Amino acid sequence: MSLGHDPEGKTLSILGMGGIRGALAKRAKVFEMGAVYYNRRELSPESNPADANEGTRHFLGREDFKMMKDGVVLINTARGPIVDEEALVEASESEKVWSAGLDVYEKEPEVHQGVAGNEKVVPLPHIRTATYEIQKRMEVLVIDNVRSMLKEGRLLTQVQEQRGKSNL
């Protein structure tokens, strides 16, 4: 196992600033890290700027990795297609990317061979929802969404790209 780096004094760059990413920025302060973010649209409580669509596919690609400082650490928990995995593999081989943690993949459930066999990449299953508490909250949210649709004709947690379209 190779040595890592102390996070103190480093900068955490966050793509999108939804609820989870906002909580991550708060936690970075505990490690005395700075935090900057990129958001593709105005922030709102309902925003989820890391949604996967053609506009965000390969948001991080070869040219983006070339512009980064050497030795970055990439963590993608948003959507797999946001990162061009072929470019990630190349960037890790060139030392641009020191390490990467992924729990989402470009072509799920398939994992790029250069990612799966790369000692700099820690591939994890998407396990955030693998708790009793989260499963219960998800079930309650589904029921609340159904109730809202039946009573008010709208969903509480509509997917960003579907907002403004007919719910029925």
N, C-alpha and C. Protein backbone atom coordinates (compact mmCIF):
# COMPACT_ATOMS: atom_id res chain seq x y z
N MET A 1 0.84 -1.18 0.00
CA MET A 1 0.00 0.00 0.00
C MET A 1 0.88 1.25 0.00
N SER A 2 0.60 2.16 -0.90
CA SER A 2 1.40 3.38 -0.97
C SER A 2 0.87 4.42 0.01
N LEU A 3 1.73 5.37 0.35
CA LEU A 3 1.33 6.44 1.25
C LEU A 3 0.33 7.36 0.56
N GLY A 4 -0.52 7.98 1.35
CA GLY A 4 -1.50 8.92 0.84
C GLY A 4 -1.08 10.35 1.14
N HIS A 5 -2.04 11.25 1.11
CA HIS A 5 -1.79 12.67 1.39
C HIS A 5 -2.72 13.14 2.48
N ASP A 6 -2.23 14.05 3.30
CA ASP A 6 -3.04 14.68 4.34
C ASP A 6 -4.01 15.66 3.66
N PRO A 7 -5.30 15.61 3.98
CA PRO A 7 -6.25 16.52 3.33
C PRO A 7 -6.13 17.98 3.79
N GLU A 8 -5.46 18.23 4.91
CA GLU A 8 -5.36 19.59 5.42
C GLU A 8 -4.71 20.51 4.39
N GLY A 9 -5.37 21.64 4.13
CA GLY A 9 -4.84 22.62 3.19
C GLY A 9 -5.17 22.33 1.73
N LYS A 10 -5.77 21.19 1.46
CA LYS A 10 -6.15 20.85 0.09
C LYS A 10 -7.50 21.48 -0.24
N THR A 11 -7.87 21.46 -1.50
CA THR A 11 -9.15 22.02 -1.94
C THR A 11 -10.03 20.91 -2.46
N LEU A 12 -11.24 20.88 -1.97
CA LEU A 12 -12.24 19.93 -2.43
C LEU A 12 -13.06 20.62 -3.51
N SER A 13 -13.05 20.07 -4.71
CA SER A 13 -13.85 20.61 -5.82
C SER A 13 -15.07 19.72 -5.98
N ILE A 14 -16.24 20.32 -5.96
CA ILE A 14 -17.49 19.57 -5.99
C ILE A 14 -18.27 19.95 -7.24
N LEU A 15 -18.70 18.93 -7.98
CA LEU A 15 -19.56 19.16 -9.14
C LEU A 15 -21.00 19.09 -8.67
N GLY A 16 -21.70 20.19 -8.81
CA GLY A 16 -23.09 20.23 -8.35
C GLY A 16 -23.12 20.48 -6.86
N MET A 17 -24.16 21.15 -6.41
CA MET A 17 -24.22 21.48 -5.00
C MET A 17 -25.58 21.12 -4.42
N GLY A 18 -26.02 19.89 -4.68
CA GLY A 18 -27.25 19.39 -4.07
C GLY A 18 -27.02 19.11 -2.60
N GLY A 19 -27.99 18.49 -1.96
CA GLY A 19 -27.94 18.24 -0.53
C GLY A 19 -26.74 17.44 -0.07
N ILE A 20 -26.45 16.35 -0.76
CA ILE A 20 -25.34 15.49 -0.35
C ILE A 20 -24.02 16.23 -0.52
N ARG A 21 -23.87 16.93 -1.64
CA ARG A 21 -22.63 17.64 -1.88
C ARG A 21 -22.47 18.81 -0.92
N GLY A 22 -23.57 19.43 -0.51
CA GLY A 22 -23.50 20.49 0.50
C GLY A 22 -23.02 19.96 1.83
N ALA A 23 -23.51 18.78 2.20
CA ALA A 23 -23.06 18.15 3.45
C ALA A 23 -21.58 17.79 3.37
N LEU A 24 -21.14 17.36 2.20
CA LEU A 24 -19.73 17.02 1.99
C LEU A 24 -18.85 18.25 2.18
N ALA A 25 -19.29 19.40 1.66
CA ALA A 25 -18.52 20.64 1.82
C ALA A 25 -18.37 21.00 3.30
N LYS A 26 -19.42 20.80 4.08
CA LYS A 26 -19.34 21.07 5.52
C LYS A 26 -18.32 20.16 6.19
N ARG A 27 -18.32 18.90 5.79
CA ARG A 27 -17.38 17.95 6.39
C ARG A 27 -15.94 18.25 6.00
N ALA A 28 -15.74 18.83 4.84
CA ALA A 28 -14.37 19.17 4.42
C ALA A 28 -13.74 20.17 5.38
N LYS A 29 -14.56 21.05 5.97
CA LYS A 29 -14.03 22.04 6.91
C LYS A 29 -13.39 21.38 8.12
N VAL A 30 -13.92 20.24 8.55
CA VAL A 30 -13.36 19.52 9.68
C VAL A 30 -11.90 19.13 9.40
N PHE A 31 -11.60 18.85 8.14
CA PHE A 31 -10.24 18.47 7.75
C PHE A 31 -9.41 19.68 7.33
N GLU A 32 -9.94 20.88 7.59
CA GLU A 32 -9.29 22.14 7.23
C GLU A 32 -9.00 22.22 5.74
N MET A 33 -9.98 21.76 4.97
CA MET A 33 -9.90 21.82 3.51
C MET A 33 -10.74 23.00 3.02
N GLY A 34 -10.33 23.57 1.92
CA GLY A 34 -11.17 24.53 1.23
C GLY A 34 -12.16 23.75 0.37
N ALA A 35 -13.25 24.38 -0.02
CA ALA A 35 -14.21 23.71 -0.90
C ALA A 35 -14.69 24.71 -1.95
N VAL A 36 -14.65 24.30 -3.20
CA VAL A 36 -15.20 25.08 -4.29
C VAL A 36 -16.15 24.17 -5.05
N TYR A 37 -17.11 24.77 -5.75
CA TYR A 37 -18.04 23.94 -6.48
C TYR A 37 -18.37 24.53 -7.83
N TYR A 38 -18.79 23.67 -8.71
CA TYR A 38 -19.31 24.08 -10.01
C TYR A 38 -20.74 23.59 -10.06
N ASN A 39 -21.63 24.48 -10.43
CA ASN A 39 -23.04 24.12 -10.56
C ASN A 39 -23.51 24.63 -11.90
N ARG A 40 -24.16 23.78 -12.68
CA ARG A 40 -24.53 24.18 -14.04
C ARG A 40 -25.76 25.07 -14.10
N ARG A 41 -26.44 25.26 -12.98
CA ARG A 41 -27.59 26.17 -12.96
C ARG A 41 -27.72 26.75 -11.56
N GLU A 42 -28.59 27.74 -11.44
CA GLU A 42 -28.80 28.38 -10.14
C GLU A 42 -29.16 27.34 -9.10
N LEU A 43 -28.66 27.54 -7.90
CA LEU A 43 -28.97 26.60 -6.84
C LEU A 43 -30.39 26.80 -6.34
N SER A 44 -31.04 25.71 -6.05
CA SER A 44 -32.35 25.74 -5.42
C SER A 44 -32.45 24.48 -4.58
N PRO A 45 -33.36 24.46 -3.63
CA PRO A 45 -33.48 23.26 -2.78
C PRO A 45 -33.79 22.00 -3.59
N GLU A 46 -34.42 22.15 -4.75
CA GLU A 46 -34.80 20.99 -5.54
C GLU A 46 -33.73 20.58 -6.54
N SER A 47 -32.65 21.35 -6.66
CA SER A 47 -31.69 21.07 -7.73
C SER A 47 -30.92 19.79 -7.49
N ASN A 48 -30.63 19.11 -8.57
CA ASN A 48 -29.75 17.95 -8.57
C ASN A 48 -28.88 18.07 -9.81
N PRO A 49 -27.88 18.94 -9.75
CA PRO A 49 -27.08 19.23 -10.93
C PRO A 49 -26.25 18.08 -11.44
N ALA A 50 -26.17 17.00 -10.70
CA ALA A 50 -25.37 15.87 -11.16
C ALA A 50 -26.22 14.80 -11.84
N ASP A 51 -27.40 15.18 -12.31
CA ASP A 51 -28.22 14.22 -13.05
C ASP A 51 -27.49 13.80 -14.31
N ALA A 52 -27.66 12.55 -14.68
CA ALA A 52 -27.02 12.03 -15.90
C ALA A 52 -27.92 12.29 -17.09
N ASN A 53 -27.39 12.96 -18.09
CA ASN A 53 -28.10 13.18 -19.35
C ASN A 53 -27.05 13.50 -20.40
N GLU A 54 -27.47 13.70 -21.62
CA GLU A 54 -26.49 13.96 -22.69
C GLU A 54 -25.68 15.23 -22.43
N GLY A 55 -26.25 16.18 -21.70
CA GLY A 55 -25.52 17.41 -21.39
C GLY A 55 -24.41 17.21 -20.38
N THR A 56 -24.49 16.15 -19.58
CA THR A 56 -23.47 15.90 -18.57
C THR A 56 -22.60 14.68 -18.88
N ARG A 57 -22.91 13.95 -19.94
CA ARG A 57 -22.12 12.77 -20.30
C ARG A 57 -20.68 13.21 -20.59
N HIS A 58 -19.74 12.54 -19.97
CA HIS A 58 -18.30 12.84 -20.10
C HIS A 58 -18.01 14.29 -19.74
N PHE A 59 -18.71 14.80 -18.74
CA PHE A 59 -18.46 16.15 -18.24
C PHE A 59 -16.99 16.30 -17.86
N LEU A 60 -16.42 15.22 -17.30
CA LEU A 60 -14.98 15.18 -17.05
C LEU A 60 -14.36 14.23 -18.07
N GLY A 61 -13.59 14.80 -18.99
CA GLY A 61 -12.95 14.02 -20.04
C GLY A 61 -11.47 14.31 -20.13
N ARG A 62 -10.86 13.89 -21.21
CA ARG A 62 -9.41 14.05 -21.40
C ARG A 62 -8.92 15.47 -21.19
N GLU A 63 -9.57 16.42 -21.84
CA GLU A 63 -9.12 17.81 -21.75
C GLU A 63 -9.26 18.35 -20.33
N ASP A 64 -10.31 17.94 -19.64
CA ASP A 64 -10.52 18.39 -18.26
C ASP A 64 -9.43 17.85 -17.34
N PHE A 65 -9.10 16.57 -17.49
CA PHE A 65 -8.04 15.99 -16.67
C PHE A 65 -6.70 16.67 -16.95
N LYS A 66 -6.44 17.02 -18.20
CA LYS A 66 -5.18 17.69 -18.55
C LYS A 66 -5.05 19.04 -17.85
N MET A 67 -6.17 19.72 -17.62
CA MET A 67 -6.15 21.04 -16.98
C MET A 67 -5.99 20.97 -15.46
N MET A 68 -6.20 19.81 -14.88
CA MET A 68 -6.14 19.66 -13.42
C MET A 68 -4.70 19.65 -12.94
N LYS A 69 -4.54 19.99 -11.68
CA LYS A 69 -3.23 19.85 -11.04
C LYS A 69 -2.85 18.38 -11.05
N ASP A 70 -1.56 18.10 -10.98
CA ASP A 70 -1.11 16.72 -10.85
C ASP A 70 -1.50 16.20 -9.47
N GLY A 71 -1.89 14.95 -9.42
CA GLY A 71 -2.14 14.30 -8.14
C GLY A 71 -3.52 14.50 -7.54
N VAL A 72 -4.52 14.79 -8.34
CA VAL A 72 -5.87 14.98 -7.79
C VAL A 72 -6.46 13.65 -7.35
N VAL A 73 -7.42 13.75 -6.46
CA VAL A 73 -8.20 12.60 -6.01
C VAL A 73 -9.62 12.84 -6.51
N LEU A 74 -10.15 11.89 -7.24
CA LEU A 74 -11.49 12.01 -7.81
C LEU A 74 -12.44 11.05 -7.09
N ILE A 75 -13.57 11.57 -6.66
CA ILE A 75 -14.61 10.73 -6.07
C ILE A 75 -15.88 11.01 -6.84
N ASN A 76 -16.44 9.98 -7.45
CA ASN A 76 -17.71 10.14 -8.18
C ASN A 76 -18.78 9.28 -7.52
N THR A 77 -19.71 9.95 -6.87
CA THR A 77 -20.87 9.28 -6.29
C THR A 77 -22.14 9.80 -6.93
N ALA A 78 -21.99 10.61 -7.97
CA ALA A 78 -23.16 11.24 -8.60
C ALA A 78 -23.78 10.31 -9.63
N ARG A 79 -23.29 10.35 -10.83
CA ARG A 79 -23.76 9.50 -11.92
C ARG A 79 -22.54 9.05 -12.71
N GLY A 80 -22.51 7.78 -13.08
CA GLY A 80 -21.36 7.21 -13.75
C GLY A 80 -20.95 7.90 -15.03
N PRO A 81 -21.89 8.18 -15.95
CA PRO A 81 -21.50 8.74 -17.25
C PRO A 81 -20.90 10.15 -17.19
N ILE A 82 -20.92 10.78 -16.03
CA ILE A 82 -20.32 12.11 -15.90
C ILE A 82 -18.81 12.03 -16.16
N VAL A 83 -18.19 10.90 -15.79
CA VAL A 83 -16.75 10.73 -15.97
C VAL A 83 -16.48 9.79 -17.15
N ASP A 84 -15.66 10.26 -18.06
CA ASP A 84 -15.17 9.42 -19.16
C ASP A 84 -14.15 8.47 -18.54
N GLU A 85 -14.53 7.21 -18.36
CA GLU A 85 -13.66 6.27 -17.66
C GLU A 85 -12.38 5.97 -18.41
N GLU A 86 -12.42 5.99 -19.73
CA GLU A 86 -11.18 5.80 -20.51
C GLU A 86 -10.21 6.94 -20.21
N ALA A 87 -10.72 8.16 -20.15
CA ALA A 87 -9.88 9.33 -19.83
C ALA A 87 -9.39 9.25 -18.39
N LEU A 88 -10.22 8.74 -17.49
CA LEU A 88 -9.80 8.57 -16.09
C LEU A 88 -8.64 7.60 -15.99
N VAL A 89 -8.72 6.50 -16.70
CA VAL A 89 -7.64 5.51 -16.69
C VAL A 89 -6.35 6.16 -17.20
N GLU A 90 -6.43 6.88 -18.32
CA GLU A 90 -5.25 7.56 -18.87
C GLU A 90 -4.69 8.57 -17.87
N ALA A 91 -5.57 9.32 -17.22
CA ALA A 91 -5.13 10.33 -16.26
C ALA A 91 -4.46 9.69 -15.04
N SER A 92 -4.94 8.53 -14.64
CA SER A 92 -4.31 7.85 -13.50
C SER A 92 -2.94 7.30 -13.88
N GLU A 93 -2.80 6.87 -15.12
CA GLU A 93 -1.50 6.36 -15.59
C GLU A 93 -0.48 7.49 -15.75
N SER A 94 -0.94 8.70 -16.02
CA SER A 94 -0.04 9.84 -16.21
C SER A 94 0.23 10.61 -14.92
N GLU A 95 -0.31 10.14 -13.80
CA GLU A 95 -0.15 10.77 -12.49
C GLU A 95 -1.00 12.03 -12.30
N LYS A 96 -1.84 12.39 -13.27
CA LYS A 96 -2.78 13.50 -13.05
C LYS A 96 -3.74 13.15 -11.93
N VAL A 97 -4.23 11.91 -11.96
CA VAL A 97 -5.12 11.43 -10.91
C VAL A 97 -4.33 10.52 -9.98
N TRP A 98 -4.20 10.95 -8.73
CA TRP A 98 -3.48 10.16 -7.73
C TRP A 98 -4.29 8.93 -7.37
N SER A 99 -5.59 9.14 -7.16
CA SER A 99 -6.48 8.03 -6.86
C SER A 99 -7.92 8.44 -7.17
N ALA A 100 -8.77 7.45 -7.24
CA ALA A 100 -10.18 7.71 -7.51
C ALA A 100 -11.03 6.71 -6.74
N GLY A 101 -12.15 7.20 -6.26
CA GLY A 101 -13.14 6.35 -5.60
C GLY A 101 -14.43 6.45 -6.38
N LEU A 102 -14.96 5.32 -6.80
CA LEU A 102 -16.17 5.31 -7.62
C LEU A 102 -17.20 4.35 -7.03
N ASP A 103 -18.43 4.82 -6.90
CA ASP A 103 -19.50 3.87 -6.57
C ASP A 103 -20.59 3.93 -7.64
N VAL A 104 -20.27 4.59 -8.73
CA VAL A 104 -21.11 4.61 -9.94
C VAL A 104 -20.17 4.48 -11.13
N TYR A 105 -20.69 3.92 -12.22
CA TYR A 105 -19.83 3.60 -13.35
C TYR A 105 -20.48 4.04 -14.65
N GLU A 106 -19.64 4.35 -15.61
CA GLU A 106 -20.10 4.88 -16.89
C GLU A 106 -21.13 3.99 -17.58
N LYS A 107 -20.90 2.70 -17.58
CA LYS A 107 -21.80 1.78 -18.28
C LYS A 107 -22.30 0.70 -17.33
N GLU A 108 -22.84 1.13 -16.19
CA GLU A 108 -23.32 0.16 -15.20
C GLU A 108 -24.28 -0.84 -15.84
N PRO A 109 -24.19 -2.11 -15.43
CA PRO A 109 -23.36 -2.67 -14.36
C PRO A 109 -21.94 -3.02 -14.80
N GLU A 110 -21.62 -2.81 -16.07
CA GLU A 110 -20.28 -3.09 -16.58
C GLU A 110 -19.29 -2.09 -16.00
N VAL A 111 -18.11 -2.58 -15.63
CA VAL A 111 -17.05 -1.72 -15.11
C VAL A 111 -15.88 -1.79 -16.08
N HIS A 112 -15.41 -0.66 -16.52
CA HIS A 112 -14.28 -0.55 -17.45
C HIS A 112 -13.11 -1.36 -16.91
N GLN A 113 -12.49 -2.18 -17.74
CA GLN A 113 -11.36 -3.03 -17.32
C GLN A 113 -10.22 -2.21 -16.72
N GLY A 114 -9.96 -1.04 -17.29
CA GLY A 114 -8.89 -0.19 -16.77
C GLY A 114 -9.21 0.40 -15.42
N VAL A 115 -10.47 0.42 -15.06
CA VAL A 115 -10.90 0.87 -13.74
C VAL A 115 -10.83 -0.30 -12.76
N ALA A 116 -11.40 -1.43 -13.17
CA ALA A 116 -11.47 -2.60 -12.30
C ALA A 116 -10.09 -3.11 -11.89
N GLY A 117 -9.12 -3.02 -12.79
CA GLY A 117 -7.80 -3.55 -12.50
C GLY A 117 -6.79 -2.49 -12.09
N ASN A 118 -7.24 -1.31 -11.77
CA ASN A 118 -6.34 -0.19 -11.49
C ASN A 118 -6.15 -0.03 -9.99
N GLU A 119 -4.91 -0.15 -9.52
CA GLU A 119 -4.66 -0.04 -8.08
C GLU A 119 -4.91 1.37 -7.54
N LYS A 120 -5.01 2.35 -8.41
CA LYS A 120 -5.30 3.72 -7.97
C LYS A 120 -6.79 3.99 -7.85
N VAL A 121 -7.61 3.06 -8.31
CA VAL A 121 -9.06 3.24 -8.29
C VAL A 121 -9.68 2.27 -7.29
N VAL A 122 -10.50 2.81 -6.41
CA VAL A 122 -11.23 1.99 -5.46
C VAL A 122 -12.68 1.91 -5.93
N PRO A 123 -13.03 0.80 -6.57
CA PRO A 123 -14.42 0.64 -7.02
C PRO A 123 -15.26 0.05 -5.89
N LEU A 124 -16.38 0.67 -5.62
CA LEU A 124 -17.27 0.22 -4.56
C LEU A 124 -18.67 0.02 -5.11
N PRO A 125 -19.44 -0.85 -4.50
CA PRO A 125 -20.84 -0.92 -4.89
C PRO A 125 -21.56 0.32 -4.36
N HIS A 126 -22.64 0.70 -4.99
CA HIS A 126 -23.43 1.86 -4.55
C HIS A 126 -24.22 1.42 -3.32
N ILE A 127 -23.68 1.68 -2.12
CA ILE A 127 -24.26 1.11 -0.91
C ILE A 127 -24.91 2.15 0.01
N ARG A 128 -25.01 3.38 -0.42
CA ARG A 128 -25.59 4.42 0.44
C ARG A 128 -26.98 4.05 0.95
N THR A 129 -27.74 3.34 0.14
CA THR A 129 -29.10 3.02 0.54
C THR A 129 -29.22 1.66 1.23
N ALA A 130 -28.10 1.05 1.58
CA ALA A 130 -28.13 -0.28 2.16
C ALA A 130 -28.22 -0.24 3.69
N THR A 131 -29.15 0.58 4.19
CA THR A 131 -29.41 0.60 5.63
C THR A 131 -30.92 0.54 5.84
N TYR A 132 -31.32 0.04 6.99
CA TYR A 132 -32.74 -0.02 7.31
C TYR A 132 -33.37 1.37 7.30
N GLU A 133 -32.64 2.34 7.86
CA GLU A 133 -33.18 3.69 7.97
C GLU A 133 -33.42 4.33 6.60
N ILE A 134 -32.45 4.21 5.72
CA ILE A 134 -32.59 4.80 4.38
C ILE A 134 -33.69 4.09 3.60
N GLN A 135 -33.75 2.77 3.69
CA GLN A 135 -34.80 2.04 2.98
C GLN A 135 -36.18 2.49 3.45
N LYS A 136 -36.34 2.69 4.76
CA LYS A 136 -37.62 3.15 5.29
C LYS A 136 -37.95 4.55 4.76
N ARG A 137 -36.97 5.45 4.78
CA ARG A 137 -37.21 6.81 4.26
C ARG A 137 -37.58 6.78 2.79
N MET A 138 -36.94 5.90 2.02
CA MET A 138 -37.26 5.79 0.59
C MET A 138 -38.69 5.28 0.39
N GLU A 139 -39.09 4.30 1.19
CA GLU A 139 -40.46 3.78 1.09
C GLU A 139 -41.48 4.86 1.42
N VAL A 140 -41.23 5.61 2.49
CA VAL A 140 -42.14 6.69 2.89
C VAL A 140 -42.21 7.75 1.79
N LEU A 141 -41.08 8.07 1.17
CA LEU A 141 -41.06 9.06 0.10
C LEU A 141 -41.88 8.59 -1.11
N VAL A 142 -41.78 7.32 -1.45
CA VAL A 142 -42.59 6.79 -2.56
C VAL A 142 -44.08 6.95 -2.24
N ILE A 143 -44.47 6.58 -1.04
CA ILE A 143 -45.88 6.69 -0.64
C ILE A 143 -46.32 8.16 -0.66
N ASP A 144 -45.47 9.05 -0.14
CA ASP A 144 -45.80 10.48 -0.15
C ASP A 144 -45.93 11.02 -1.58
N ASN A 145 -45.08 10.54 -2.50
CA ASN A 145 -45.17 10.95 -3.90
C ASN A 145 -46.47 10.50 -4.53
N VAL A 146 -46.86 9.27 -4.25
CA VAL A 146 -48.13 8.75 -4.79
C VAL A 146 -49.30 9.57 -4.24
N ARG A 147 -49.31 9.82 -2.95
CA ARG A 147 -50.38 10.64 -2.33
C ARG A 147 -50.43 12.02 -2.97
N SER A 148 -49.28 12.65 -3.12
CA SER A 148 -49.23 13.99 -3.70
C SER A 148 -49.77 13.99 -5.13
N MET A 149 -49.40 12.99 -5.90
CA MET A 149 -49.87 12.91 -7.28
C MET A 149 -51.38 12.74 -7.32
N LEU A 150 -51.90 11.88 -6.47
CA LEU A 150 -53.34 11.62 -6.47
C LEU A 150 -54.14 12.81 -5.94
N LYS A 151 -53.64 13.50 -4.92
CA LYS A 151 -54.37 14.61 -4.30
C LYS A 151 -54.14 15.94 -5.00
N GLU A 152 -52.89 16.20 -5.42
CA GLU A 152 -52.54 17.52 -5.94
C GLU A 152 -52.11 17.51 -7.40
N GLY A 153 -51.95 16.32 -7.98
CA GLY A 153 -51.55 16.23 -9.38
C GLY A 153 -50.09 16.56 -9.63
N ARG A 154 -49.25 16.49 -8.59
CA ARG A 154 -47.82 16.77 -8.77
C ARG A 154 -46.99 15.86 -7.87
N LEU A 155 -45.75 15.63 -8.30
CA LEU A 155 -44.82 14.82 -7.53
C LEU A 155 -43.99 15.70 -6.61
N LEU A 156 -43.62 15.18 -5.47
CA LEU A 156 -42.77 15.92 -4.55
C LEU A 156 -41.31 15.94 -5.00
N THR A 157 -40.88 14.86 -5.62
CA THR A 157 -39.47 14.72 -5.99
C THR A 157 -39.34 14.35 -7.46
N GLN A 158 -39.84 15.21 -8.30
CA GLN A 158 -39.77 14.96 -9.73
C GLN A 158 -38.35 15.11 -10.25
N VAL A 159 -37.96 14.25 -11.17
CA VAL A 159 -36.63 14.31 -11.78
C VAL A 159 -36.48 15.66 -12.49
N GLN A 160 -35.30 16.28 -12.31
CA GLN A 160 -35.04 17.63 -12.84
C GLN A 160 -35.43 17.77 -14.31
N GLU A 161 -35.04 16.83 -15.14
CA GLU A 161 -35.31 16.94 -16.58
C GLU A 161 -36.78 16.79 -16.92
N GLN A 162 -37.59 16.32 -15.98
CA GLN A 162 -39.03 16.14 -16.22
C GLN A 162 -39.86 17.31 -15.67
N ARG A 163 -39.23 18.22 -14.97
CA ARG A 163 -39.96 19.36 -14.41
C ARG A 163 -40.56 20.18 -15.53
N GLY A 164 -41.79 20.60 -15.34
CA GLY A 164 -42.46 21.41 -16.34
C GLY A 164 -43.20 20.58 -17.38
N LYS A 165 -42.98 19.29 -17.38
CA LYS A 165 -43.70 18.42 -18.30
C LYS A 165 -44.94 17.88 -17.59
N SER A 166 -45.87 17.40 -18.34
CA SER A 166 -47.10 16.86 -17.77
C SER A 166 -46.78 15.67 -16.88
N ASN A 167 -47.40 15.65 -15.71
CA ASN A 167 -47.21 14.53 -14.78
C ASN A 167 -48.08 13.34 -15.13
N LEU A 168 -49.12 13.56 -15.92
CA LEU A 168 -50.06 12.47 -16.20
C LEU A 168 -49.86 11.91 -17.58
